[in-house]
Amino acid sequence: MRRFLMRRIAFALLSVVGATAFVFALSRMAGDPVLLYAKPAGYGVDTEYLDNLRRKLGTDKPLIVQYGMWMGRMVRGDLGRTLLGERKVTTVIRQKLGNTFQLAFAGWLLATIVGIPLGVLSAVKRGTAWDYFGRTFALFGQALPAFTVGIVLILIFSVKLGWLPSAFKGDGISIKHFILPAITIGWAAAAGYTRLTRSAMLEILDSEFIKLARAKGLSNEMVIWKHALRNALIAPLTFSFLLLAGLLNGAVVAEVIFAWPGLGRVALVEAVNNNDFPLLTGAVLVFIVIYLMVSLFADLLYAWIDPRIRYT
């Protein structure tokens, strides 16, 4: 176990360095930030001012040196300041990450509540109308993109019917503001849950120990919910943790459509449009660390659930 943890931590550090270096380099391909933010007004900007601004931003040094300086500050917990407003990047991330986590958790909860029971029902009722309904739901769920689902939901439930708000988060935790964004990001996740759970349940239901349990006279409910589902949930449970991390990273589509004040919309979309590389790199770092930590936890939980797996 110790060797496995050490190996995973080493790979995680390499992933962080590789991803942040790649994003750091891409952010410089849009041009010198000095030329973007020190635009001439009236009589223009003199060379001395531009040089001072480059020294302040650190863009007067080679790219590898800039990245090394950023890594040094990152280790000390300093991700720099945003180019617009000169706010601390850590402050912006701390303010917006909670909203993103709330939306991602709502989508994950909806997908879990809908996807797993529907997958179990589809497998148990194999070949019936319930099975065809579950398979059709999984097909459309993975075929329809999130931005299409979000726009259609706004058109129906906000514009036509006027039942739900079409944008913003509302004050505090308002359930009605969560419904449409949660469905938008949880739709495809529920479809993935359904397919994975159905496949796992079909494999378990055809196994020998299930036939033995039925031969011993156990009720159908006992066989399905205690023996079959417990073993079939190993793959969906691992998938669920990776899904939560993926929704944290992928909620940006719903945040843009519904004007959700989350980290994805503010720190990724707006940072890309403004070439705010300190904020962009800091947000990417946070998303990478979250995904790697959840992935490691899922691997450890997988071994704890299934005693046949040992990390030696």
C-alpha atoms as a PDB file:
ATOM      1  CA  MET A   1       0.000   0.000   0.000  1.00  0.00           C
ATOM      2  CA  ARG A   2       2.828   2.395   0.827  1.00  0.00           C
ATOM      3  CA  ARG A   3       4.491   1.848  -2.543  1.00  0.00           C
ATOM      4  CA  PHE A   4       1.159   2.379  -4.293  1.00  0.00           C
ATOM      5  CA  LEU A   5       0.569   5.665  -2.451  1.00  0.00           C
ATOM      6  CA  MET A   6       4.076   6.902  -3.166  1.00  0.00           C
ATOM      7  CA  ARG A   7       3.703   6.044  -6.846  1.00  0.00           C
ATOM      8  CA  ARG A   8       0.317   7.764  -7.110  1.00  0.00           C
ATOM      9  CA  ILE A   9       1.604  10.880  -5.330  1.00  0.00           C
ATOM     10  CA  ALA A  10       4.569  11.044  -7.703  1.00  0.00           C
ATOM     11  CA  PHE A  11       2.284  10.746 -10.729  1.00  0.00           C
ATOM     12  CA  ALA A  12      -0.024  13.388  -9.231  1.00  0.00           C
ATOM     13  CA  LEU A  13       2.859  15.850  -8.863  1.00  0.00           C
ATOM     14  CA  LEU A  14       3.925  15.208 -12.463  1.00  0.00           C
ATOM     15  CA  SER A  15       0.331  15.759 -13.604  1.00  0.00           C
ATOM     16  CA  VAL A  16       0.130  19.061 -11.741  1.00  0.00           C
ATOM     17  CA  VAL A  17       3.419  20.279 -13.210  1.00  0.00           C
ATOM     18  CA  GLY A  18       2.553  19.137 -16.736  1.00  0.00           C
ATOM     19  CA  ALA A  19      -0.967  20.581 -16.814  1.00  0.00           C
ATOM     20  CA  THR A  20      -0.095  23.913 -15.233  1.00  0.00           C
ATOM     21  CA  ALA A  21       2.964  24.312 -17.475  1.00  0.00           C
ATOM     22  CA  PHE A  22       0.841  23.611 -20.546  1.00  0.00           C
ATOM     23  CA  VAL A  23      -1.824  26.134 -19.536  1.00  0.00           C
ATOM     24  CA  PHE A  24       0.867  28.614 -18.520  1.00  0.00           C
ATOM     25  CA  ALA A  25       2.440  28.376 -21.979  1.00  0.00           C
ATOM     26  CA  LEU A  26      -0.907  28.618 -23.787  1.00  0.00           C
ATOM     27  CA  SER A  27      -1.804  31.765 -21.866  1.00  0.00           C
ATOM     28  CA  ARG A  28       1.250  33.474 -23.340  1.00  0.00           C
ATOM     29  CA  MET A  29       0.307  32.594 -26.919  1.00  0.00           C
ATOM     30  CA  ALA A  30      -2.384  35.319 -26.907  1.00  0.00           C
ATOM     31  CA  GLY A  31       0.342  37.920 -26.762  1.00  0.00           C
ATOM     32  CA  ASP A  32       2.069  40.093 -24.218  1.00  0.00           C
ATOM     33  CA  PRO A  33      -0.422  41.036 -21.455  1.00  0.00           C
ATOM     34  CA  VAL A  34       1.216  44.446 -21.301  1.00  0.00           C
ATOM     35  CA  LEU A  35       0.043  45.167 -24.840  1.00  0.00           C
ATOM     36  CA  LEU A  36      -3.462  44.069 -23.919  1.00  0.00           C
ATOM     37  CA  TYR A  37      -3.871  46.177 -20.794  1.00  0.00           C
ATOM     38  CA  ALA A  38      -1.615  49.140 -21.437  1.00  0.00           C
ATOM     39  CA  LYS A  39      -3.373  50.305 -24.589  1.00  0.00           C
ATOM     40  CA  PRO A  40      -2.506  53.780 -25.772  1.00  0.00           C
ATOM     41  CA  ALA A  41      -5.010  56.441 -24.786  1.00  0.00           C
ATOM     42  CA  GLY A  42      -4.643  59.902 -26.214  1.00  0.00           C
ATOM     43  CA  TYR A  43      -0.899  60.517 -26.452  1.00  0.00           C
ATOM     44  CA  GLY A  44       0.029  56.854 -25.956  1.00  0.00           C
ATOM     45  CA  VAL A  45       2.191  55.098 -23.388  1.00  0.00           C
ATOM     46  CA  ASP A  46       5.919  55.641 -23.132  1.00  0.00           C
ATOM     47  CA  THR A  47       8.486  52.846 -23.202  1.00  0.00           C
ATOM     48  CA  GLU A  48       9.569  53.343 -19.593  1.00  0.00           C
ATOM     49  CA  TYR A  49       6.028  52.736 -18.350  1.00  0.00           C
ATOM     50  CA  LEU A  50       5.771  49.560 -20.434  1.00  0.00           C
ATOM     51  CA  ASP A  51       9.086  48.283 -19.071  1.00  0.00           C
ATOM     52  CA  ASN A  52       8.008  48.942 -15.494  1.00  0.00           C
ATOM     53  CA  LEU A  53       4.731  47.173 -16.121  1.00  0.00           C
ATOM     54  CA  ARG A  54       6.530  44.139 -17.604  1.00  0.00           C
ATOM     55  CA  ARG A  55       8.804  43.946 -14.563  1.00  0.00           C
ATOM     56  CA  LYS A  56       5.758  44.153 -12.292  1.00  0.00           C
ATOM     57  CA  LEU A  57       3.993  41.330 -14.148  1.00  0.00           C
ATOM     58  CA  GLY A  58       7.198  39.334 -14.554  1.00  0.00           C
ATOM     59  CA  THR A  59       6.788  39.068 -18.326  1.00  0.00           C
ATOM     60  CA  ASP A  60      10.242  40.527 -18.970  1.00  0.00           C
ATOM     61  CA  LYS A  61      11.843  37.177 -18.112  1.00  0.00           C
ATOM     62  CA  PRO A  62      11.960  33.950 -20.194  1.00  0.00           C
ATOM     63  CA  LEU A  63       8.863  31.756 -20.043  1.00  0.00           C
ATOM     64  CA  ILE A  64      10.542  28.950 -18.092  1.00  0.00           C
ATOM     65  CA  VAL A  65      11.745  31.464 -15.504  1.00  0.00           C
ATOM     66  CA  GLN A  66       8.251  32.918 -15.196  1.00  0.00           C
ATOM     67  CA  TYR A  67       6.813  29.461 -14.621  1.00  0.00           C
ATOM     68  CA  GLY A  68       9.495  28.655 -12.051  1.00  0.00           C
ATOM     69  CA  MET A  69       8.717  31.856 -10.158  1.00  0.00           C
ATOM     70  CA  TRP A  70       5.002  31.015 -10.242  1.00  0.00           C
ATOM     71  CA  MET A  71       5.679  27.500  -8.904  1.00  0.00           C
ATOM     72  CA  GLY A  72       7.774  28.961  -6.095  1.00  0.00           C
ATOM     73  CA  ARG A  73       4.967  31.305  -5.064  1.00  0.00           C
ATOM     74  CA  MET A  74       2.406  28.511  -5.438  1.00  0.00           C
ATOM     75  CA  VAL A  75       4.268  26.331  -2.933  1.00  0.00           C
ATOM     76  CA  ARG A  76       4.002  29.192  -0.441  1.00  0.00           C
ATOM     77  CA  GLY A  77       0.262  29.529  -1.119  1.00  0.00           C
ATOM     78  CA  ASP A  78       0.562  32.682  -3.227  1.00  0.00           C
ATOM     79  CA  LEU A  79      -1.072  32.341  -6.669  1.00  0.00           C
ATOM     80  CA  GLY A  80      -0.521  35.972  -7.573  1.00  0.00           C
ATOM     81  CA  ARG A  81      -3.027  38.700  -8.371  1.00  0.00           C
ATOM     82  CA  THR A  82      -5.532  39.040 -11.160  1.00  0.00           C
ATOM     83  CA  LEU A  83      -4.647  41.409 -13.965  1.00  0.00           C
ATOM     84  CA  LEU A  84      -8.062  43.042 -13.791  1.00  0.00           C
ATOM     85  CA  GLY A  85      -8.709  44.540 -10.392  1.00  0.00           C
ATOM     86  CA  GLU A  86      -5.430  43.167  -8.947  1.00  0.00           C
ATOM     87  CA  ARG A  87      -7.282  40.950  -6.474  1.00  0.00           C
ATOM     88  CA  LYS A  88      -5.626  37.953  -4.895  1.00  0.00           C
ATOM     89  CA  VAL A  89      -6.240  34.837  -6.977  1.00  0.00           C
ATOM     90  CA  THR A  90      -6.713  32.755  -3.836  1.00  0.00           C
ATOM     91  CA  THR A  91      -9.458  35.158  -2.693  1.00  0.00           C
ATOM     92  CA  VAL A  92     -11.317  34.901  -6.003  1.00  0.00           C
ATOM     93  CA  ILE A  93     -11.066  31.120  -6.011  1.00  0.00           C
ATOM     94  CA  ARG A  94     -12.227  30.861  -2.402  1.00  0.00           C
ATOM     95  CA  GLN A  95     -15.248  33.063  -3.110  1.00  0.00           C
ATOM     96  CA  LYS A  96     -16.356  31.196  -6.249  1.00  0.00           C
ATOM     97  CA  LEU A  97     -15.421  27.590  -5.507  1.00  0.00           C
ATOM     98  CA  GLY A  98     -18.281  27.128  -3.041  1.00  0.00           C
ATOM     99  CA  ASN A  99     -20.889  28.049  -5.661  1.00  0.00           C
ATOM    100  CA  THR A 100     -19.355  25.613  -8.133  1.00  0.00           C
ATOM    101  CA  PHE A 101     -19.302  22.841  -5.541  1.00  0.00           C
ATOM    102  CA  GLN A 102     -22.976  23.434  -4.669  1.00  0.00           C
ATOM    103  CA  LEU A 103     -24.008  23.169  -8.319  1.00  0.00           C
ATOM    104  CA  ALA A 104     -21.805  20.127  -8.976  1.00  0.00           C
ATOM    105  CA  PHE A 105     -23.109  18.355  -5.871  1.00  0.00           C
ATOM    106  CA  ALA A 106     -26.720  19.057  -6.892  1.00  0.00           C
ATOM    107  CA  GLY A 107     -26.092  17.597 -10.355  1.00  0.00           C
ATOM    108  CA  TRP A 108     -24.251  14.616  -8.879  1.00  0.00           C
ATOM    109  CA  LEU A 109     -27.041  13.925  -6.375  1.00  0.00           C
ATOM    110  CA  LEU A 110     -29.690  14.117  -9.090  1.00  0.00           C
ATOM    111  CA  ALA A 111     -27.720  11.806 -11.380  1.00  0.00           C
ATOM    112  CA  THR A 112     -27.176   9.264  -8.585  1.00  0.00           C
ATOM    113  CA  ILE A 113     -30.806   9.248  -7.461  1.00  0.00           C
ATOM    114  CA  VAL A 114     -32.079   8.821 -11.024  1.00  0.00           C
ATOM    115  CA  GLY A 115     -29.365   6.790 -12.731  1.00  0.00           C
ATOM    116  CA  ILE A 116     -28.691   3.930 -10.304  1.00  0.00           C
ATOM    117  CA  PRO A 117     -32.342   2.922  -9.611  1.00  0.00           C
ATOM    118  CA  LEU A 118     -33.160   3.196 -13.318  1.00  0.00           C
ATOM    119  CA  GLY A 119     -30.180   0.994 -14.185  1.00  0.00           C
ATOM    120  CA  VAL A 120     -31.238  -1.612 -11.619  1.00  0.00           C
ATOM    121  CA  LEU A 121     -34.827  -1.542 -12.880  1.00  0.00           C
ATOM    122  CA  SER A 122     -33.701  -1.852 -16.487  1.00  0.00           C
ATOM    123  CA  ALA A 123     -31.555  -4.894 -15.679  1.00  0.00           C
ATOM    124  CA  VAL A 124     -34.145  -6.640 -13.510  1.00  0.00           C
ATOM    125  CA  LYS A 125     -36.926  -6.005 -16.060  1.00  0.00           C
ATOM    126  CA  ARG A 126     -34.768  -7.049 -18.983  1.00  0.00           C
ATOM    127  CA  GLY A 127     -36.619  -7.083 -22.286  1.00  0.00           C
ATOM    128  CA  THR A 128     -39.680  -5.232 -20.943  1.00  0.00           C
ATOM    129  CA  ALA A 129     -40.925  -1.685 -21.497  1.00  0.00           C
ATOM    130  CA  TRP A 130     -38.954  -0.517 -18.421  1.00  0.00           C
ATOM    131  CA  ASP A 131     -35.765  -1.857 -19.989  1.00  0.00           C
ATOM    132  CA  TYR A 132     -36.412  -0.058 -23.272  1.00  0.00           C
ATOM    133  CA  PHE A 133     -37.216   3.132 -21.390  1.00  0.00           C
ATOM    134  CA  GLY A 134     -33.945   2.963 -19.452  1.00  0.00           C
ATOM    135  CA  ARG A 135     -31.905   2.253 -22.566  1.00  0.00           C
ATOM    136  CA  THR A 136     -33.605   5.079 -24.467  1.00  0.00           C
ATOM    137  CA  PHE A 137     -32.971   7.461 -21.577  1.00  0.00           C
ATOM    138  CA  ALA A 138     -29.295   6.473 -21.533  1.00  0.00           C
ATOM    139  CA  LEU A 139     -29.044   6.935 -25.304  1.00  0.00           C
ATOM    140  CA  PHE A 140     -30.558  10.408 -25.370  1.00  0.00           C
ATOM    141  CA  GLY A 141     -28.767  11.392 -22.168  1.00  0.00           C
ATOM    142  CA  GLN A 142     -25.355  10.785 -23.667  1.00  0.00           C
ATOM    143  CA  ALA A 143     -26.254  12.060 -27.139  1.00  0.00           C
ATOM    144  CA  LEU A 144     -27.639  15.481 -26.187  1.00  0.00           C
ATOM    145  CA  PRO A 145     -24.986  18.085 -25.300  1.00  0.00           C
ATOM    146  CA  ALA A 146     -25.352  20.007 -22.053  1.00  0.00           C
ATOM    147  CA  PHE A 147     -25.685  23.421 -23.675  1.00  0.00           C
ATOM    148  CA  THR A 148     -28.618  22.198 -25.803  1.00  0.00           C
ATOM    149  CA  VAL A 149     -30.364  20.702 -22.777  1.00  0.00           C
ATOM    150  CA  GLY A 150     -29.872  23.901 -20.777  1.00  0.00           C
ATOM    151  CA  ILE A 151     -31.229  26.189 -23.511  1.00  0.00           C
ATOM    152  CA  VAL A 152     -34.262  23.952 -24.128  1.00  0.00           C
ATOM    153  CA  LEU A 153     -35.008  23.815 -20.387  1.00  0.00           C
ATOM    154  CA  ILE A 154     -34.895  27.614 -20.198  1.00  0.00           C
ATOM    155  CA  LEU A 155     -37.180  27.902 -23.223  1.00  0.00           C
ATOM    156  CA  ILE A 156     -39.778  25.509 -21.770  1.00  0.00           C
ATOM    157  CA  PHE A 157     -39.775  26.090 -18.023  1.00  0.00           C
ATOM    158  CA  SER A 158     -38.697  29.742 -17.879  1.00  0.00           C
ATOM    159  CA  VAL A 159     -39.907  31.409 -21.069  1.00  0.00           C
ATOM    160  CA  LYS A 160     -43.015  29.403 -21.960  1.00  0.00           C
ATOM    161  CA  LEU A 161     -44.284  28.230 -18.567  1.00  0.00           C
ATOM    162  CA  GLY A 162     -42.595  30.727 -16.252  1.00  0.00           C
ATOM    163  CA  TRP A 163     -42.195  28.155 -13.492  1.00  0.00           C
ATOM    164  CA  LEU A 164     -38.463  28.440 -12.800  1.00  0.00           C
ATOM    165  CA  PRO A 165     -35.835  31.207 -12.988  1.00  0.00           C
ATOM    166  CA  SER A 166     -33.579  31.166 -15.992  1.00  0.00           C
ATOM    167  CA  ALA A 167     -30.422  32.623 -14.442  1.00  0.00           C
ATOM    168  CA  PHE A 168     -28.458  33.524 -11.325  1.00  0.00           C
ATOM    169  CA  LYS A 169     -28.141  31.694  -8.034  1.00  0.00           C
ATOM    170  CA  GLY A 170     -30.553  33.611  -5.856  1.00  0.00           C
ATOM    171  CA  ASP A 171     -30.097  34.506  -2.209  1.00  0.00           C
ATOM    172  CA  GLY A 172     -28.727  31.719  -0.046  1.00  0.00           C
ATOM    173  CA  ILE A 173     -29.639  28.210  -1.224  1.00  0.00           C
ATOM    174  CA  SER A 174     -32.820  28.574  -3.284  1.00  0.00           C
ATOM    175  CA  ILE A 175     -33.989  25.187  -4.568  1.00  0.00           C
ATOM    176  CA  LYS A 176     -35.811  26.620  -7.573  1.00  0.00           C
ATOM    177  CA  HIS A 177     -32.572  28.208  -8.827  1.00  0.00           C
ATOM    178  CA  PHE A 178     -30.795  24.841  -8.643  1.00  0.00           C
ATOM    179  CA  ILE A 179     -33.313  22.757 -10.599  1.00  0.00           C
ATOM    180  CA  LEU A 180     -32.518  23.700 -14.197  1.00  0.00           C
ATOM    181  CA  PRO A 181     -28.701  23.930 -13.799  1.00  0.00           C
ATOM    182  CA  ALA A 182     -28.630  20.627 -11.897  1.00  0.00           C
ATOM    183  CA  ILE A 183     -30.640  18.877 -14.612  1.00  0.00           C
ATOM    184  CA  THR A 184     -28.370  20.371 -17.261  1.00  0.00           C
ATOM    185  CA  ILE A 185     -25.156  18.947 -15.786  1.00  0.00           C
ATOM    186  CA  GLY A 186     -26.754  15.814 -14.290  1.00  0.00           C
ATOM    187  CA  TRP A 187     -28.568  14.662 -17.429  1.00  0.00           C
ATOM    188  CA  ALA A 188     -25.582  13.007 -19.112  1.00  0.00           C
ATOM    189  CA  ALA A 189     -24.235  11.763 -15.765  1.00  0.00           C
ATOM    190  CA  ALA A 190     -27.520   9.997 -14.995  1.00  0.00           C
ATOM    191  CA  ALA A 191     -27.377   8.351 -18.412  1.00  0.00           C
ATOM    192  CA  GLY A 192     -23.864   7.101 -17.699  1.00  0.00           C
ATOM    193  CA  TYR A 193     -24.982   5.775 -14.316  1.00  0.00           C
ATOM    194  CA  THR A 194     -27.878   3.931 -15.970  1.00  0.00           C
ATOM    195  CA  ARG A 195     -25.719   2.191 -18.563  1.00  0.00           C
ATOM    196  CA  LEU A 196     -22.995   1.271 -16.093  1.00  0.00           C
ATOM    197  CA  THR A 197     -25.396   0.008 -13.419  1.00  0.00           C
ATOM    198  CA  ARG A 198     -27.450  -1.964 -15.926  1.00  0.00           C
ATOM    199  CA  SER A 199     -24.357  -3.640 -17.377  1.00  0.00           C
ATOM    200  CA  ALA A 200     -23.005  -4.507 -13.919  1.00  0.00           C
ATOM    201  CA  MET A 201     -26.377  -5.832 -12.722  1.00  0.00           C
ATOM    202  CA  LEU A 202     -26.831  -8.025 -15.795  1.00  0.00           C
ATOM    203  CA  GLU A 203     -23.407  -9.567 -15.235  1.00  0.00           C
ATOM    204  CA  ILE A 204     -24.109 -10.229 -11.553  1.00  0.00           C
ATOM    205  CA  LEU A 205     -27.624 -11.587 -12.130  1.00  0.00           C
ATOM    206  CA  ASP A 206     -26.215 -14.229 -14.493  1.00  0.00           C
ATOM    207  CA  SER A 207     -23.528 -15.362 -12.028  1.00  0.00           C
ATOM    208  CA  GLU A 208     -23.545 -18.657 -10.177  1.00  0.00           C
ATOM    209  CA  PHE A 209     -23.939 -17.319  -6.631  1.00  0.00           C
ATOM    210  CA  ILE A 210     -27.173 -15.557  -7.642  1.00  0.00           C
ATOM    211  CA  LYS A 211     -28.515 -18.829  -9.009  1.00  0.00           C
ATOM    212  CA  LEU A 212     -27.542 -20.496  -5.728  1.00  0.00           C
ATOM    213  CA  ALA A 213     -29.327 -17.798  -3.735  1.00  0.00           C
ATOM    214  CA  ARG A 214     -32.492 -18.328  -5.750  1.00  0.00           C
ATOM    215  CA  ALA A 215     -32.178 -22.105  -5.345  1.00  0.00           C
ATOM    216  CA  LYS A 216     -31.997 -21.654  -1.558  1.00  0.00           C
ATOM    217  CA  GLY A 217     -35.428 -20.037  -1.670  1.00  0.00           C
ATOM    218  CA  LEU A 218     -34.519 -16.410  -1.010  1.00  0.00           C
ATOM    219  CA  SER A 219     -37.076 -13.841  -2.078  1.00  0.00           C
ATOM    220  CA  ASN A 220     -36.557 -11.916  -5.288  1.00  0.00           C
ATOM    221  CA  GLU A 221     -36.172  -8.630  -3.371  1.00  0.00           C
ATOM    222  CA  MET A 222     -33.492 -10.158  -1.130  1.00  0.00           C
ATOM    223  CA  VAL A 223     -31.568 -11.514  -4.103  1.00  0.00           C
ATOM    224  CA  ILE A 224     -31.682  -8.231  -6.019  1.00  0.00           C
ATOM    225  CA  TRP A 225     -31.104  -5.638  -3.307  1.00  0.00           C
ATOM    226  CA  LYS A 226     -28.801  -7.506  -0.922  1.00  0.00           C
ATOM    227  CA  HIS A 227     -26.788  -9.919  -3.056  1.00  0.00           C
ATOM    228  CA  ALA A 228     -26.846  -8.585  -6.625  1.00  0.00           C
ATOM    229  CA  LEU A 229     -26.840  -4.838  -6.066  1.00  0.00           C
ATOM    230  CA  ARG A 230     -24.137  -4.956  -3.404  1.00  0.00           C
ATOM    231  CA  ASN A 231     -21.705  -6.568  -5.831  1.00  0.00           C
ATOM    232  CA  ALA A 232     -22.856  -4.594  -8.861  1.00  0.00           C
ATOM    233  CA  LEU A 233     -22.292  -1.240  -7.129  1.00  0.00           C
ATOM    234  CA  ILE A 234     -18.507  -1.596  -7.101  1.00  0.00           C
ATOM    235  CA  ALA A 235     -18.066  -0.054 -10.556  1.00  0.00           C
ATOM    236  CA  PRO A 236     -20.786   2.651 -10.179  1.00  0.00           C
ATOM    237  CA  LEU A 237     -19.421   3.651  -6.781  1.00  0.00           C
ATOM    238  CA  THR A 238     -15.960   4.200  -8.195  1.00  0.00           C
ATOM    239  CA  PHE A 239     -17.502   6.070 -11.103  1.00  0.00           C
ATOM    240  CA  SER A 240     -19.500   8.283  -8.734  1.00  0.00           C
ATOM    241  CA  PHE A 241     -16.424   9.871  -7.138  1.00  0.00           C
ATOM    242  CA  LEU A 242     -14.787  10.518 -10.486  1.00  0.00           C
ATOM    243  CA  LEU A 243     -18.106  11.886 -11.701  1.00  0.00           C
ATOM    244  CA  LEU A 244     -18.268  14.389  -8.844  1.00  0.00           C
ATOM    245  CA  ALA A 245     -14.772  15.606  -9.667  1.00  0.00           C
ATOM    246  CA  GLY A 246     -15.700  15.757 -13.346  1.00  0.00           C
ATOM    247  CA  LEU A 247     -18.806  17.812 -12.601  1.00  0.00           C
ATOM    248  CA  LEU A 248     -16.699  20.257 -10.604  1.00  0.00           C
ATOM    249  CA  ASN A 249     -14.556  20.707 -13.696  1.00  0.00           C
ATOM    250  CA  GLY A 250     -17.380  20.505 -16.226  1.00  0.00           C
ATOM    251  CA  ALA A 251     -19.982  22.732 -14.591  1.00  0.00           C
ATOM    252  CA  VAL A 252     -18.641  25.644 -16.619  1.00  0.00           C
ATOM    253  CA  VAL A 253     -21.253  25.057 -19.366  1.00  0.00           C
ATOM    254  CA  ALA A 254     -24.167  25.342 -16.947  1.00  0.00           C
ATOM    255  CA  GLU A 255     -22.516  28.274 -15.200  1.00  0.00           C
ATOM    256  CA  VAL A 256     -22.285  30.191 -18.464  1.00  0.00           C
ATOM    257  CA  ILE A 257     -25.834  29.339 -19.607  1.00  0.00           C
ATOM    258  CA  PHE A 258     -27.451  30.184 -16.273  1.00  0.00           C
ATOM    259  CA  ALA A 259     -25.075  33.017 -15.287  1.00  0.00           C
ATOM    260  CA  TRP A 260     -24.045  31.015 -12.232  1.00  0.00           C
ATOM    261  CA  PRO A 261     -21.406  32.841 -10.136  1.00  0.00           C
ATOM    262  CA  GLY A 262     -19.061  29.882 -10.002  1.00  0.00           C
ATOM    263  CA  LEU A 263     -15.375  29.319 -10.488  1.00  0.00           C
ATOM    264  CA  GLY A 264     -15.766  27.896 -13.984  1.00  0.00           C
ATOM    265  CA  ARG A 265     -17.477  30.946 -15.453  1.00  0.00           C
ATOM    266  CA  VAL A 266     -15.493  33.591 -13.599  1.00  0.00           C
ATOM    267  CA  ALA A 267     -12.053  32.010 -13.417  1.00  0.00           C
ATOM    268  CA  LEU A 268     -12.007  30.083 -16.685  1.00  0.00           C
ATOM    269  CA  VAL A 269     -14.262  31.655 -19.294  1.00  0.00           C
ATOM    270  CA  GLU A 270     -13.715  35.267 -18.265  1.00  0.00           C
ATOM    271  CA  ALA A 271     -10.044  34.655 -17.541  1.00  0.00           C
ATOM    272  CA  VAL A 272      -9.552  33.191 -21.019  1.00  0.00           C
ATOM    273  CA  ASN A 273     -11.400  36.085 -22.668  1.00  0.00           C
ATOM    274  CA  ASN A 274      -9.324  38.620 -20.725  1.00  0.00           C
ATOM    275  CA  ASN A 275      -6.068  36.641 -20.928  1.00  0.00           C
ATOM    276  CA  ASP A 276      -5.887  36.869 -17.143  1.00  0.00           C
ATOM    277  CA  PHE A 277      -3.211  34.188 -16.874  1.00  0.00           C
ATOM    278  CA  PRO A 278      -2.681  34.307 -13.074  1.00  0.00           C
ATOM    279  CA  LEU A 279      -6.369  33.591 -12.461  1.00  0.00           C
ATOM    280  CA  LEU A 280      -6.539  31.005 -15.251  1.00  0.00           C
ATOM    281  CA  THR A 281      -3.501  29.065 -14.048  1.00  0.00           C
ATOM    282  CA  GLY A 282      -4.666  29.180 -10.423  1.00  0.00           C
ATOM    283  CA  ALA A 283      -8.113  27.852 -11.326  1.00  0.00           C
ATOM    284  CA  VAL A 284      -6.618  25.041 -13.415  1.00  0.00           C
ATOM    285  CA  LEU A 285      -4.363  24.121 -10.493  1.00  0.00           C
ATOM    286  CA  VAL A 286      -7.353  23.881  -8.132  1.00  0.00           C
ATOM    287  CA  PHE A 287      -9.349  21.701 -10.557  1.00  0.00           C
ATOM    288  CA  ILE A 288      -6.381  19.396 -11.135  1.00  0.00           C
ATOM    289  CA  VAL A 289      -5.730  18.927  -7.415  1.00  0.00           C
ATOM    290  CA  ILE A 290      -9.415  18.196  -6.769  1.00  0.00           C
ATOM    291  CA  TYR A 291      -9.569  15.597  -9.532  1.00  0.00           C
ATOM    292  CA  LEU A 292      -6.351  13.876  -8.464  1.00  0.00           C
ATOM    293  CA  MET A 293      -7.395  13.716  -4.804  1.00  0.00           C
ATOM    294  CA  VAL A 294     -10.823  12.299  -5.648  1.00  0.00           C
ATOM    295  CA  SER A 295      -9.260   9.786  -8.043  1.00  0.00           C
ATOM    296  CA  LEU A 296      -6.867   8.567  -5.351  1.00  0.00           C
ATOM    297  CA  PHE A 297      -9.698   8.284  -2.822  1.00  0.00           C
ATOM    298  CA  ALA A 298     -11.778   6.301  -5.336  1.00  0.00           C
ATOM    299  CA  ASP A 299      -8.917   3.837  -5.879  1.00  0.00           C
ATOM    300  CA  LEU A 300      -8.511   3.292  -2.143  1.00  0.00           C
ATOM    301  CA  LEU A 301     -12.266   2.910  -1.648  1.00  0.00           C
ATOM    302  CA  TYR A 302     -12.395   0.422  -4.514  1.00  0.00           C
ATOM    303  CA  ALA A 303      -9.912  -1.824  -2.717  1.00  0.00           C
ATOM    304  CA  TRP A 304     -11.823  -1.493   0.550  1.00  0.00           C
ATOM    305  CA  ILE A 305     -15.140  -2.488  -1.040  1.00  0.00           C
ATOM    306  CA  ASP A 306     -13.780  -5.390  -3.089  1.00  0.00           C
ATOM    307  CA  PRO A 307     -11.536  -7.621  -0.936  1.00  0.00           C
ATOM    308  CA  ARG A 308     -10.144  -9.292  -4.063  1.00  0.00           C
ATOM    309  CA  ILE A 309      -8.187  -6.114  -4.872  1.00  0.00           C
ATOM    310  CA  ARG A 310      -4.951  -5.464  -3.072  1.00  0.00           C
ATOM    311  CA  TYR A 311      -2.417  -2.712  -3.766  1.00  0.00           C
ATOM    312  CA  THR A 312       0.908  -4.344  -3.009  1.00  0.00           C
END
